[in-house]
C-alpha atoms as a PDB file:
ATOM      1  CA  MET A   1      -7.950 -22.483 -32.760  1.00  0.00           C
ATOM      2  CA  ASP A   2      -7.382 -26.270 -33.954  1.00  0.00           C
ATOM      3  CA  GLN A   3     -10.559 -29.161 -33.363  1.00  0.00           C
ATOM      4  CA  THR A   4     -10.461 -32.562 -35.585  1.00  0.00           C
ATOM      5  CA  GLY A   5     -13.354 -35.141 -34.637  1.00  0.00           C
ATOM      6  CA  ASP A   6     -13.655 -35.304 -30.817  1.00  0.00           C
ATOM      7  CA  SER A   7     -10.541 -34.578 -29.885  1.00  0.00           C
ATOM      8  CA  ILE A   8     -10.635 -30.865 -27.123  1.00  0.00           C
ATOM      9  CA  ALA A   9     -10.507 -27.511 -28.495  1.00  0.00           C
ATOM     10  CA  THR A  10      -6.809 -25.884 -27.897  1.00  0.00           C
ATOM     11  CA  VAL A  11      -6.215 -22.052 -28.439  1.00  0.00           C
ATOM     12  CA  ASP A  12      -2.491 -21.115 -29.212  1.00  0.00           C
ATOM     13  CA  VAL A  13      -1.510 -18.538 -26.736  1.00  0.00           C
ATOM     14  CA  ALA A  14       1.748 -17.000 -26.962  1.00  0.00           C
ATOM     15  CA  PRO A  15       3.954 -17.583 -23.229  1.00  0.00           C
ATOM     16  CA  ARG A  16       3.714 -14.955 -20.370  1.00  0.00           C
ATOM     17  CA  GLN A  17       6.916 -13.338 -20.737  1.00  0.00           C
ATOM     18  CA  ILE A  18       8.747 -12.954 -17.693  1.00  0.00           C
ATOM     19  CA  ASP A  19      10.755  -9.951 -16.083  1.00  0.00           C
ATOM     20  CA  PRO A  20      13.486 -10.528 -14.198  1.00  0.00           C
ATOM     21  CA  THR A  21      14.470  -6.764 -13.842  1.00  0.00           C
ATOM     22  CA  LEU A  22      10.961  -5.749 -12.162  1.00  0.00           C
ATOM     23  CA  ARG A  23      11.613  -4.002  -8.194  1.00  0.00           C
ATOM     24  CA  MET A  24       8.611  -5.945  -7.371  1.00  0.00           C
ATOM     25  CA  GLN A  25       7.856  -9.865  -7.821  1.00  0.00           C
ATOM     26  CA  ILE A  26       5.823 -10.424  -4.970  1.00  0.00           C
ATOM     27  CA  TYR A  27       1.867  -9.605  -5.285  1.00  0.00           C
ATOM     28  CA  VAL A  28       0.863  -7.257  -2.449  1.00  0.00           C
ATOM     29  CA  GLN A  29      -2.642  -6.324  -1.574  1.00  0.00           C
ATOM     30  CA  GLY A  30      -4.225  -3.601  -3.889  1.00  0.00           C
ATOM     31  CA  ILE A  31      -1.773  -4.671  -6.878  1.00  0.00           C
ATOM     32  CA  LEU A  32      -5.147  -6.496  -8.706  1.00  0.00           C
ATOM     33  CA  ASP A  33      -7.745  -5.007  -7.671  1.00  0.00           C
ATOM     34  CA  GLY A  34      -9.280  -1.663  -7.912  1.00  0.00           C
ATOM     35  CA  ALA A  35     -10.848  -0.566  -4.222  1.00  0.00           C
ATOM     36  CA  CYS A  36      -9.639   2.298  -3.539  1.00  0.00           C
ATOM     37  CA  PHE A  37     -13.077   3.632  -3.615  1.00  0.00           C
ATOM     38  CA  LEU A  38     -13.851   1.587  -0.580  1.00  0.00           C
ATOM     39  CA  TYR A  39     -10.334   2.435   1.277  1.00  0.00           C
ATOM     40  CA  ALA A  40     -11.406   6.102   0.737  1.00  0.00           C
ATOM     41  CA  LEU A  41     -14.998   5.950   2.583  1.00  0.00           C
ATOM     42  CA  ALA A  42     -13.429   4.049   5.421  1.00  0.00           C
ATOM     43  CA  ASN A  43     -10.891   6.578   5.576  1.00  0.00           C
ATOM     44  CA  ALA A  44     -13.692   9.039   5.709  1.00  0.00           C
ATOM     45  CA  TYR A  45     -15.715   6.967   8.478  1.00  0.00           C
ATOM     46  CA  LYS A  46     -12.746   7.061  10.622  1.00  0.00           C
ATOM     47  CA  ALA A  47     -11.711  10.389  10.148  1.00  0.00           C
ATOM     48  CA  LEU A  48     -15.042  11.453  10.925  1.00  0.00           C
ATOM     49  CA  THR A  49     -16.098   9.377  13.612  1.00  0.00           C
ATOM     50  CA  GLY A  50     -12.799   8.512  15.255  1.00  0.00           C
ATOM     51  CA  LYS A  51     -13.883   4.637  15.066  1.00  0.00           C
ATOM     52  CA  LYS A  52     -12.091   2.029  13.394  1.00  0.00           C
ATOM     53  CA  VAL A  53     -13.535   0.057  10.678  1.00  0.00           C
ATOM     54  CA  THR A  54     -13.491  -3.623  11.659  1.00  0.00           C
ATOM     55  CA  ARG A  55     -13.361  -6.713   9.671  1.00  0.00           C
ATOM     56  CA  GLU A  56     -17.532  -7.155  10.425  1.00  0.00           C
ATOM     57  CA  HIS A  57     -17.866  -3.413   8.919  1.00  0.00           C
ATOM     58  CA  TRP A  58     -15.398  -3.818   5.663  1.00  0.00           C
ATOM     59  CA  ASN A  59     -17.474  -7.788   4.864  1.00  0.00           C
ATOM     60  CA  ARG A  60     -20.796  -5.886   5.395  1.00  0.00           C
ATOM     61  CA  ALA A  61     -19.730  -3.199   2.474  1.00  0.00           C
ATOM     62  CA  VAL A  62     -17.952  -5.834   0.432  1.00  0.00           C
ATOM     63  CA  ALA A  63     -21.199  -7.990   0.441  1.00  0.00           C
ATOM     64  CA  ARG A  64     -23.313  -5.026  -0.832  1.00  0.00           C
ATOM     65  CA  LEU A  65     -21.361  -4.069  -3.801  1.00  0.00           C
ATOM     66  CA  PRO A  66     -23.764  -4.712  -6.647  1.00  0.00           C
ATOM     67  CA  GLU A  67     -20.886  -6.339  -8.840  1.00  0.00           C
ATOM     68  CA  PRO A  68     -18.235  -7.246  -6.638  1.00  0.00           C
ATOM     69  CA  ALA A  69     -16.503  -8.871  -9.659  1.00  0.00           C
ATOM     70  CA  GLU A  70     -16.233  -6.223 -11.969  1.00  0.00           C
ATOM     71  CA  PHE A  71     -15.824  -3.858  -8.838  1.00  0.00           C
ATOM     72  CA  LEU A  72     -12.599  -5.392  -7.309  1.00  0.00           C
ATOM     73  CA  GLY A  73     -11.014  -6.700 -10.735  1.00  0.00           C
ATOM     74  CA  GLY A  74      -9.443  -3.636 -11.489  1.00  0.00           C
ATOM     75  CA  SER A  75     -11.470  -1.225 -12.731  1.00  0.00           C
ATOM     76  CA  GLY A  76     -12.817   0.016  -9.295  1.00  0.00           C
ATOM     77  CA  ALA A  77     -15.025   3.021  -9.397  1.00  0.00           C
ATOM     78  CA  THR A  78     -13.845   3.903 -13.007  1.00  0.00           C
ATOM     79  CA  ARG A  79     -16.958   2.681 -14.925  1.00  0.00           C
ATOM     80  CA  LEU A  80     -19.738   3.525 -12.346  1.00  0.00           C
ATOM     81  CA  SER A  81     -22.461   6.460 -13.703  1.00  0.00           C
ATOM     82  CA  TYR A  82     -22.718   9.460 -11.330  1.00  0.00           C
ATOM     83  CA  GLY A  83     -26.165   7.767  -9.295  1.00  0.00           C
ATOM     84  CA  GLU A  84     -24.184   4.698  -8.924  1.00  0.00           C
ATOM     85  CA  ALA A  85     -21.438   6.173  -7.434  1.00  0.00           C
ATOM     86  CA  VAL A  86     -23.619   8.287  -4.873  1.00  0.00           C
ATOM     87  CA  ARG A  87     -25.418   4.719  -3.734  1.00  0.00           C
ATOM     88  CA  HIS A  88     -22.539   3.337  -3.599  1.00  0.00           C
ATOM     89  CA  ILE A  89     -21.185   5.926  -1.120  1.00  0.00           C
ATOM     90  CA  ASP A  90     -24.442   5.750   0.840  1.00  0.00           C
ATOM     91  CA  SER A  91     -24.617   2.316   0.776  1.00  0.00           C
ATOM     92  CA  THR A  92     -21.084   1.642   1.882  1.00  0.00           C
ATOM     93  CA  LEU A  93     -21.102   4.317   4.954  1.00  0.00           C
ATOM     94  CA  ASP A  94     -24.572   2.673   6.449  1.00  0.00           C
ATOM     95  CA  ALA A  95     -22.172  -0.728   6.176  1.00  0.00           C
ATOM     96  CA  PHE A  96     -19.417   0.802   8.243  1.00  0.00           C
ATOM     97  CA  SER A  97     -21.744   2.451  10.262  1.00  0.00           C
ATOM     98  CA  ASP A  98     -23.037   1.619  13.680  1.00  0.00           C
ATOM     99  CA  SER A  99     -26.825   2.367  14.707  1.00  0.00           C
ATOM    100  CA  GLY A 100     -28.202   6.141  14.803  1.00  0.00           C
ATOM    101  CA  GLU A 101     -24.975   7.438  12.554  1.00  0.00           C
ATOM    102  CA  THR A 102     -25.971   9.264   9.398  1.00  0.00           C
ATOM    103  CA  PHE A 103     -23.978  11.154   7.154  1.00  0.00           C
ATOM    104  CA  ARG A 104     -24.695  13.550   4.196  1.00  0.00           C
ATOM    105  CA  VAL A 105     -23.137  13.441   0.754  1.00  0.00           C
ATOM    106  CA  ASP A 106     -23.156  16.764  -1.073  1.00  0.00           C
ATOM    107  CA  GLN A 107     -21.506  16.785  -4.896  1.00  0.00           C
ATOM    108  CA  LEU A 108     -19.305  19.877  -5.151  1.00  0.00           C
ATOM    109  CA  ASP A 109     -19.134  22.344  -8.024  1.00  0.00           C
ATOM    110  CA  PRO A 110     -17.725  19.878 -11.472  1.00  0.00           C
ATOM    111  CA  ALA A 111     -14.953  23.059 -11.481  1.00  0.00           C
ATOM    112  CA  ALA A 112     -13.883  23.116  -7.788  1.00  0.00           C
ATOM    113  CA  GLY A 113     -10.161  23.592  -6.941  1.00  0.00           C
ATOM    114  CA  ILE A 114      -8.231  22.498  -4.824  1.00  0.00           C
ATOM    115  CA  VAL A 115      -8.839  25.492  -2.510  1.00  0.00           C
ATOM    116  CA  ASN A 116     -12.596  24.528  -2.908  1.00  0.00           C
ATOM    117  CA  LEU A 117     -11.794  21.013  -1.721  1.00  0.00           C
ATOM    118  CA  CYS A 118     -10.011  22.678   1.485  1.00  0.00           C
ATOM    119  CA  ARG A 119     -12.944  25.062   2.375  1.00  0.00           C
ATOM    120  CA  ALA A 120     -15.366  22.147   2.464  1.00  0.00           C
ATOM    121  CA  VAL A 121     -12.946  20.091   5.076  1.00  0.00           C
ATOM    122  CA  SER A 122     -14.088  21.017   8.577  1.00  0.00           C
ATOM    123  CA  SER A 123     -14.535  19.389  11.907  1.00  0.00           C
ATOM    124  CA  ASP A 124     -17.470  17.554  10.561  1.00  0.00           C
ATOM    125  CA  SER A 125     -16.818  16.998   7.194  1.00  0.00           C
ATOM    126  CA  VAL A 126     -13.848  15.344   5.275  1.00  0.00           C
ATOM    127  CA  VAL A 127     -14.174  15.218   1.252  1.00  0.00           C
ATOM    128  CA  ILE A 128     -13.579  12.411  -1.284  1.00  0.00           C
ATOM    129  CA  PHE A 129     -12.034  12.478  -4.898  1.00  0.00           C
ATOM    130  CA  PRO A 130     -10.596  10.720  -7.533  1.00  0.00           C
ATOM    131  CA  TYR A 131      -7.358  12.778  -9.199  1.00  0.00           C
ATOM    132  CA  GLY A 132      -4.413  11.874 -11.128  1.00  0.00           C
ATOM    133  CA  GLY A 133      -1.092  13.530 -10.976  1.00  0.00           C
ATOM    134  CA  GLN A 134       1.876  14.159  -8.690  1.00  0.00           C
ATOM    135  CA  THR A 135       0.938  14.868  -5.395  1.00  0.00           C
ATOM    136  CA  GLU A 136       3.651  15.503  -2.334  1.00  0.00           C
ATOM    137  CA  PHE A 137       4.547  11.800  -2.267  1.00  0.00           C
ATOM    138  CA  GLN A 138       3.449   9.760  -5.049  1.00  0.00           C
ATOM    139  CA  HIS A 139       2.693  10.113  -8.942  1.00  0.00           C
ATOM    140  CA  LEU A 140      -0.660   7.972  -9.737  1.00  0.00           C
ATOM    141  CA  SER A 141      -2.876   7.606 -12.970  1.00  0.00           C
ATOM    142  CA  SER A 142      -6.291   7.579 -11.398  1.00  0.00           C
ATOM    143  CA  HIS A 143      -6.752   6.649  -7.527  1.00  0.00           C
ATOM    144  CA  MET A 144      -9.732   7.834  -4.947  1.00  0.00           C
ATOM    145  CA  VAL A 145      -8.635   9.209  -2.151  1.00  0.00           C
ATOM    146  CA  CYS A 146     -10.492  11.082   1.552  1.00  0.00           C
ATOM    147  CA  GLY A 147      -8.916  15.021   2.058  1.00  0.00           C
ATOM    148  CA  VAL A 148      -8.981  14.886   5.929  1.00  0.00           C
ATOM    149  CA  ALA A 149      -6.949  18.195   6.883  1.00  0.00           C
ATOM    150  CA  VAL A 150      -6.283  21.506   5.552  1.00  0.00           C
ATOM    151  CA  SER A 151      -2.762  23.682   6.687  1.00  0.00           C
ATOM    152  CA  ASP A 152      -2.896  26.993   6.072  1.00  0.00           C
ATOM    153  CA  GLY A 153       0.754  27.325   5.269  1.00  0.00           C
ATOM    154  CA  PRO A 154       2.384  28.602   3.320  1.00  0.00           C
ATOM    155  CA  PRO A 155       2.012  26.732   1.282  1.00  0.00           C
ATOM    156  CA  MET A 156      -1.736  25.633   1.935  1.00  0.00           C
ATOM    157  CA  ARG A 157      -1.863  21.816   1.891  1.00  0.00           C
ATOM    158  CA  LEU A 158      -5.203  19.591   1.685  1.00  0.00           C
ATOM    159  CA  HIS A 159      -3.992  16.378   3.465  1.00  0.00           C
ATOM    160  CA  LEU A 160      -5.163  13.064   2.009  1.00  0.00           C
ATOM    161  CA  ALA A 161      -5.610   9.878   3.642  1.00  0.00           C
ATOM    162  CA  CYS A 162      -4.300   7.624   0.677  1.00  0.00           C
ATOM    163  CA  SER A 163      -4.729   3.722   0.399  1.00  0.00           C
ATOM    164  CA  PHE A 164      -1.816   3.503  -1.938  1.00  0.00           C
ATOM    165  CA  ALA A 165       1.076   6.443  -0.224  1.00  0.00           C
ATOM    166  CA  PHE A 166       2.704   3.583   1.983  1.00  0.00           C
ATOM    167  CA  TRP A 167       3.702   0.724  -1.121  1.00  0.00           C
ATOM    168  CA  SER A 168       4.541   3.726  -3.027  1.00  0.00           C
ATOM    169  CA  ARG A 169       6.263   6.155  -0.340  1.00  0.00           C
ATOM    170  CA  TYR A 170       8.198   2.840   0.875  1.00  0.00           C
ATOM    171  CA  LEU A 171       9.128   1.346  -2.531  1.00  0.00           C
ATOM    172  CA  LYS A 172      10.291   5.078  -3.885  1.00  0.00           C
ATOM    173  CA  SER A 173      12.497   5.826  -0.754  1.00  0.00           C
ATOM    174  CA  GLY A 174      11.875   3.346   1.720  1.00  0.00           C
ATOM    175  CA  ASP A 175      10.492   5.640   4.225  1.00  0.00           C
ATOM    176  CA  TYR A 176       6.774   5.402   5.454  1.00  0.00           C
ATOM    177  CA  PHE A 177       5.140   7.902   8.167  1.00  0.00           C
ATOM    178  CA  GLU A 178       1.686   9.708   9.011  1.00  0.00           C
ATOM    179  CA  ARG A 179       1.086  13.424  10.042  1.00  0.00           C
ATOM    180  CA  HIS A 180      -1.113  13.786  13.094  1.00  0.00           C
ATOM    181  CA  HIS A 181      -3.801  16.920  12.473  1.00  0.00           C
ATOM    182  CA  PRO A 182      -4.494  17.201  16.613  1.00  0.00           C
ATOM    183  CA  ASP A 183      -6.872  19.762  15.791  1.00  0.00           C
ATOM    184  CA  LEU A 184      -8.957  17.680  14.540  1.00  0.00           C
ATOM    185  CA  GLY A 185      -7.947  13.943  15.980  1.00  0.00           C
ATOM    186  CA  ARG A 186      -7.412  13.527  12.483  1.00  0.00           C
ATOM    187  CA  TRP A 187      -4.201  11.699  10.288  1.00  0.00           C
ATOM    188  CA  SER A 188      -2.837  11.872   6.694  1.00  0.00           C
ATOM    189  CA  ASN A 189      -0.162  10.186   4.376  1.00  0.00           C
ATOM    190  CA  ASP A 190      -0.098  12.490   1.237  1.00  0.00           C
ATOM    191  CA  SER A 191      -1.010  16.078   0.668  1.00  0.00           C
ATOM    192  CA  VAL A 192      -1.449  18.271  -2.548  1.00  0.00           C
ATOM    193  CA  GLN A 193      -1.007  22.139  -3.159  1.00  0.00           C
ATOM    194  CA  PRO A 194      -3.711  24.742  -4.614  1.00  0.00           C
ATOM    195  CA  ASP A 195      -1.137  24.951  -7.802  1.00  0.00           C
ATOM    196  CA  SER A 196      -0.275  21.397  -8.359  1.00  0.00           C
ATOM    197  CA  GLU A 197      -1.066  19.990 -11.531  1.00  0.00           C
ATOM    198  CA  VAL A 198      -3.404  17.536 -10.518  1.00  0.00           C
ATOM    199  CA  VAL A 199      -6.534  16.722 -12.701  1.00  0.00           C
ATOM    200  CA  ILE A 200      -9.515  15.891 -10.375  1.00  0.00           C
ATOM    201  CA  ALA A 201     -12.844  14.303 -12.433  1.00  0.00           C
ATOM    202  CA  PRO A 202     -15.538  16.998 -12.841  1.00  0.00           C
ATOM    203  CA  ASN A 203     -18.393  14.928 -11.318  1.00  0.00           C
ATOM    204  CA  PHE A 204     -16.968  12.669  -8.957  1.00  0.00           C
ATOM    205  CA  ARG A 205     -16.172  15.298  -5.635  1.00  0.00           C
ATOM    206  CA  TRP A 206     -18.318  15.214  -2.888  1.00  0.00           C
ATOM    207  CA  LYS A 207     -18.116  16.062   0.707  1.00  0.00           C
ATOM    208  CA  VAL A 208     -19.201  14.496   3.378  1.00  0.00           C
ATOM    209  CA  THR A 209     -20.758  15.257   6.444  1.00  0.00           C
ATOM    210  CA  LEU A 210     -21.220  13.508   9.875  1.00  0.00           C
ATOM    211  CA  GLY A 211     -24.859  13.773  10.407  1.00  0.00           C
ATOM    212  CA  GLY A 212     -27.833  15.277   8.986  1.00  0.00           C
ATOM    213  CA  PRO A 213     -29.993  13.980   6.045  1.00  0.00           C
ATOM    214  CA  HIS A 214     -28.425  13.115   2.437  1.00  0.00           C
ATOM    215  CA  SER A 215     -28.482  16.229   0.025  1.00  0.00           C
END
C-alpha cells in the first residue's frame, strides 16, 4: 500500500479473472448464501404440517438470526455450536408456526446411519441432517437436508427434500421432477440408500416431531 502526504491510500489488487468457459455466468439464488439450514427447516415444517411457508414466515425467521450476515454469507450452519444449532431450529420453527403448533427436537445417535435415520421418519416426524457425498441425483460437499419419507425397496431409500436439487439436477441433465409419497402426503426430490458413501456430521442430526415439548 502506497501513501504520500495527504493522498488517498491505494491498494494494489490483482484483477479478477474472467472464465468464459463456465457453464453458469448468471448468479442464481443460493449460490452466494449458506441458507440450506433455513430451507431444510422450511421443508420440515411443510412436510409435518402440510402448510406453506409464507414470505411473512420466512422474513420472521430471517429476522431472528443472531448473526444474519455471517449465517447468510456462505458459512451457514457450519460454524454453529451444537447448542446454537438447536436454538436456531427452535427459533426458526417457531417463526414458521401458527398459534398452537409445537415441535419436539431430539438429537439422534452420533453413530446413526441411513437405516437409523429411516427408522426415525414417521407420519409425525422427519429428520434433519447435513451430509457430504453422492446421493441419487447429486454430489455435494456439505449440505443440510430434510428426510421426509422412506421406501422399503429394494433398495431401501431415505427420500429427501433438498433445497439445491432443482439447480444441480436441471443443470446436469435438464430434467427435474418431484416424487409424491401419498401415504404421508409429502414430496421429495432426491434420495439416499443405506449403502451409500455419504458422510453425515456426527452431532448435527435430529428428529423433528410435530407436537410435544422440546427434549
